[in-house]
Amino acid sequence: MWLTVVLAAVVGYLLGAIPFGYLVGKAWGVDVRRYGSGRTGGTNVWRATGQVLPPLLSGLGDVAKGVAAVLIGRLLLGSELAAALAGAAAVAGHNWSVMLGWRGGAGGATAAAALIALSPLAGVIVVPTAAAIIYISRFASLGTFTVGVGGLVAVTALAAMAPIGHPWQHVIYAVGAAVSVSLALRPNFKRLAEGTERRITLW
């Protein structure tokens, strides 16, 4: 069991550490780490390239690795605990990628995708809420925070709804994702408090 747990965490982390935003940016001739927040998430890819296609490709990659981590844990390693740990590790890998010197993104897309793959009901509740918050506020950081902390609230509530509750192992994922997202967003919290946080200006 412990070998499975360790393997799930390692596989999830390595999947999450694939820096799609950085790779897409390089394909467009820019190093996204030198622009905006310096992160590799879709929002900063958009700021760095000034185009729509690169952040879409980057976002799809970030979504894919969150889903893949959960499915590998569940289908190949055979347990919800492995799925939860792999999903949480994927978010951590995205935020602190060993391939980029422990730099990365804030984990919103990867966390949202892993949440949906792990618990579709929680995802249906949390992800549209986060999207609405981004649309209304135009702060990507608030939506990302909603995915992390809202996912923890939703998953915990569903796990507590005996006898039809979700597996308690999902809470492990939600705690890990919430911590990773919150730590990564510390600079954003500071800018929000100072009134200097960047807004999304697509609309």
Protein backbone atom coordinates (compact mmCIF):
# COMPACT_ATOMS: atom_id res chain seq x y z
CA MET A 1 0.00 0.00 0.00
CA TRP A 2 2.72 2.44 0.92
CA LEU A 3 4.53 1.77 -2.33
CA THR A 4 1.33 2.57 -4.20
CA VAL A 5 0.91 5.79 -2.24
CA VAL A 6 4.46 6.91 -2.96
CA LEU A 7 4.16 5.95 -6.63
CA ALA A 8 0.90 7.89 -6.96
CA ALA A 9 2.47 10.99 -5.47
CA VAL A 10 5.57 10.76 -7.67
CA VAL A 11 3.62 10.14 -10.88
CA GLY A 12 1.18 12.94 -10.06
CA TYR A 13 3.98 15.38 -9.28
CA LEU A 14 5.92 14.60 -12.46
CA LEU A 15 2.79 14.98 -14.59
CA GLY A 16 1.99 18.28 -12.91
CA ALA A 17 5.56 19.47 -13.35
CA ILE A 18 5.32 19.37 -17.16
CA PRO A 19 5.46 23.14 -17.89
CA PHE A 20 2.98 23.45 -20.73
CA GLY A 21 2.75 27.21 -20.36
CA TYR A 22 6.51 27.60 -20.63
CA LEU A 23 6.71 25.23 -23.60
CA VAL A 24 3.87 26.94 -25.44
CA GLY A 25 5.43 30.32 -24.77
CA LYS A 26 8.74 29.12 -26.18
CA ALA A 27 6.94 27.89 -29.29
CA TRP A 28 5.70 31.47 -29.73
CA GLY A 29 9.17 32.85 -29.13
CA VAL A 30 8.75 34.17 -25.58
CA ASP A 31 9.78 33.12 -22.09
CA VAL A 32 6.58 33.62 -20.09
CA ARG A 33 8.59 33.80 -16.87
CA ARG A 34 9.83 37.22 -17.96
CA TYR A 35 6.35 38.73 -18.25
CA GLY A 36 3.61 39.73 -15.85
CA SER A 37 3.52 37.53 -12.79
CA GLY A 38 6.31 35.32 -14.12
CA ARG A 39 4.06 32.28 -13.82
CA THR A 40 3.42 29.60 -16.42
CA GLY A 41 -0.38 29.51 -16.19
CA GLY A 42 -2.74 30.38 -19.01
CA THR A 43 -3.39 33.94 -17.83
CA ASN A 44 0.27 34.85 -17.93
CA VAL A 45 0.78 33.03 -21.22
CA TRP A 46 -1.93 35.27 -22.65
CA ARG A 47 -0.21 38.38 -21.26
CA ALA A 48 3.17 37.27 -22.59
CA THR A 49 2.03 36.36 -26.10
CA GLY A 50 -0.89 38.74 -26.57
CA GLN A 51 -2.76 36.00 -28.46
CA VAL A 52 -5.66 33.68 -27.71
CA LEU A 53 -4.37 30.35 -29.03
CA PRO A 54 -1.28 30.01 -26.78
CA PRO A 55 -3.16 30.29 -23.47
CA LEU A 56 -5.82 27.90 -24.78
CA LEU A 57 -3.15 25.32 -25.61
CA SER A 58 -1.44 25.91 -22.30
CA GLY A 59 -4.72 25.58 -20.42
CA LEU A 60 -5.59 22.35 -22.21
CA GLY A 61 -2.23 20.91 -21.21
CA ASP A 62 -2.71 21.95 -17.59
CA VAL A 63 -6.19 20.41 -17.57
CA ALA A 64 -4.94 17.20 -19.15
CA LYS A 65 -2.27 16.60 -16.55
CA GLY A 66 -4.75 17.06 -13.69
CA VAL A 67 -7.16 14.57 -15.21
CA ALA A 68 -4.39 12.15 -16.14
CA ALA A 69 -2.97 12.13 -12.62
CA VAL A 70 -6.33 11.22 -11.07
CA LEU A 71 -7.11 8.56 -13.67
CA ILE A 72 -3.71 6.93 -13.32
CA GLY A 73 -4.15 6.80 -9.57
CA ARG A 74 -7.64 5.38 -9.87
CA LEU A 75 -7.38 2.99 -12.82
CA LEU A 76 -3.76 1.86 -12.80
CA LEU A 77 -2.92 2.07 -9.11
CA GLY A 78 -6.41 1.01 -8.14
CA SER A 79 -7.62 3.17 -5.28
CA GLU A 80 -9.29 6.48 -4.47
CA LEU A 81 -6.44 7.26 -2.09
CA ALA A 82 -3.94 6.93 -4.93
CA ALA A 83 -6.18 9.06 -7.16
CA ALA A 84 -6.47 11.76 -4.49
CA LEU A 85 -2.75 11.85 -3.79
CA ALA A 86 -1.85 11.90 -7.48
CA GLY A 87 -4.25 14.77 -8.10
CA ALA A 88 -2.91 16.80 -5.19
CA ALA A 89 0.67 16.10 -6.24
CA ALA A 90 -0.12 17.25 -9.79
CA VAL A 91 -1.21 20.65 -8.47
CA ALA A 92 1.99 20.91 -6.41
CA GLY A 93 4.02 19.86 -9.43
CA HIS A 94 2.41 22.54 -11.55
CA ASN A 95 3.10 25.22 -8.97
CA TRP A 96 6.66 24.15 -8.15
CA SER A 97 8.02 22.34 -11.17
CA VAL A 98 11.39 20.66 -10.81
CA MET A 99 11.79 21.26 -14.54
CA LEU A 100 11.72 25.03 -14.05
CA GLY A 101 13.76 25.38 -10.89
CA TRP A 102 10.74 25.03 -8.58
CA ARG A 103 8.73 27.68 -10.37
CA GLY A 104 5.37 27.32 -12.12
CA GLY A 105 1.82 28.59 -11.95
CA ALA A 106 -0.90 28.98 -9.34
CA GLY A 107 -2.58 25.66 -10.08
CA GLY A 108 -6.11 26.78 -10.97
CA ALA A 109 -6.66 24.81 -14.17
CA THR A 110 -4.88 21.69 -12.93
CA ALA A 111 -6.75 21.78 -9.61
CA ALA A 112 -10.11 22.29 -11.34
CA ALA A 113 -9.48 19.41 -13.73
CA ALA A 114 -8.32 17.06 -10.99
CA LEU A 115 -11.36 18.00 -8.90
CA ILE A 116 -13.75 17.21 -11.75
CA ALA A 117 -12.02 13.91 -12.47
CA LEU A 118 -12.03 12.95 -8.79
CA SER A 119 -15.50 14.18 -7.86
CA PRO A 120 -17.65 15.38 -10.78
CA LEU A 121 -20.38 16.66 -8.44
CA ALA A 122 -17.94 18.83 -6.51
CA GLY A 123 -16.50 20.03 -9.81
CA VAL A 124 -19.93 21.00 -11.14
CA ILE A 125 -20.45 23.09 -8.02
CA VAL A 126 -17.04 24.71 -7.73
CA VAL A 127 -15.73 25.28 -11.26
CA PRO A 128 -18.70 27.31 -12.61
CA THR A 129 -18.63 29.35 -9.39
CA ALA A 130 -14.95 30.12 -9.91
CA ALA A 131 -15.57 31.03 -13.56
CA ALA A 132 -18.37 33.40 -12.54
CA ILE A 133 -16.10 35.06 -9.98
CA ILE A 134 -13.41 35.59 -12.60
CA TYR A 135 -15.95 36.99 -15.05
CA ILE A 136 -17.41 39.41 -12.52
CA SER A 137 -14.22 40.51 -10.79
CA ARG A 138 -11.78 40.07 -13.70
CA PHE A 139 -9.25 38.72 -11.20
CA ALA A 140 -7.93 35.31 -12.21
CA SER A 141 -6.44 34.91 -8.74
CA LEU A 142 -9.87 35.02 -7.08
CA GLY A 143 -11.13 32.27 -9.35
CA THR A 144 -8.07 30.15 -8.65
CA PHE A 145 -8.52 30.64 -4.91
CA THR A 146 -12.16 29.63 -5.25
CA VAL A 147 -11.16 26.41 -6.99
CA GLY A 148 -8.74 25.55 -4.20
CA VAL A 149 -10.70 26.51 -1.11
CA GLY A 150 -14.15 25.96 -2.63
CA GLY A 151 -13.07 22.50 -3.66
CA LEU A 152 -12.09 21.74 -0.08
CA VAL A 153 -15.45 22.93 1.24
CA ALA A 154 -17.44 21.03 -1.39
CA VAL A 155 -15.52 17.77 -1.08
CA THR A 156 -15.62 17.84 2.71
CA ALA A 157 -19.36 18.47 2.68
CA LEU A 158 -19.96 15.63 0.22
CA ALA A 159 -17.78 13.24 2.20
CA ALA A 160 -19.78 14.02 5.35
CA MET A 161 -23.13 13.20 3.71
CA ALA A 162 -23.45 9.63 4.97
CA PRO A 163 -24.52 7.11 3.78
CA ILE A 164 -24.29 8.49 0.25
CA GLY A 165 -21.20 10.56 0.86
CA HIS A 166 -18.16 10.63 -1.35
CA PRO A 167 -15.00 8.76 -0.33
CA TRP A 168 -13.17 10.47 2.53
CA GLN A 169 -9.94 10.11 0.55
CA HIS A 170 -11.13 12.96 -1.66
CA VAL A 171 -10.66 15.29 1.28
CA ILE A 172 -6.93 14.51 1.18
CA TYR A 173 -6.82 15.76 -2.39
CA ALA A 174 -8.81 18.87 -1.50
CA VAL A 175 -6.55 19.77 1.43
CA GLY A 176 -3.43 19.34 -0.67
CA ALA A 177 -4.82 21.37 -3.57
CA ALA A 178 -6.09 24.15 -1.29
CA VAL A 179 -2.72 24.45 0.43
CA SER A 180 -0.80 24.49 -2.87
CA VAL A 181 -3.08 27.09 -4.43
CA SER A 182 -3.13 29.31 -1.34
CA LEU A 183 0.67 29.27 -0.98
CA ALA A 184 1.15 30.06 -4.66
CA LEU A 185 -1.30 32.96 -4.46
CA ARG A 186 0.40 34.78 -1.60
CA PRO A 187 1.83 37.49 -3.90
CA ASN A 188 -1.66 37.95 -5.39
CA PHE A 189 -3.22 38.37 -1.94
CA LYS A 190 -0.70 41.10 -1.22
CA ARG A 191 -1.45 42.88 -4.50
CA LEU A 192 -5.19 42.57 -3.91
CA ALA A 193 -4.78 44.21 -0.51
CA GLU A 194 -2.69 46.98 -2.07
CA GLY A 195 -5.07 47.45 -5.00
CA THR A 196 -2.39 46.61 -7.56
CA GLU A 197 -3.55 43.15 -8.68
CA ARG A 198 -3.69 42.77 -12.46
CA ARG A 199 -7.09 42.37 -14.05
CA ILE A 200 -7.99 40.26 -17.06
CA THR A 201 -8.95 42.65 -19.84
CA LEU A 202 -10.33 40.34 -22.52
CA TRP A 203 -13.76 41.95 -22.08
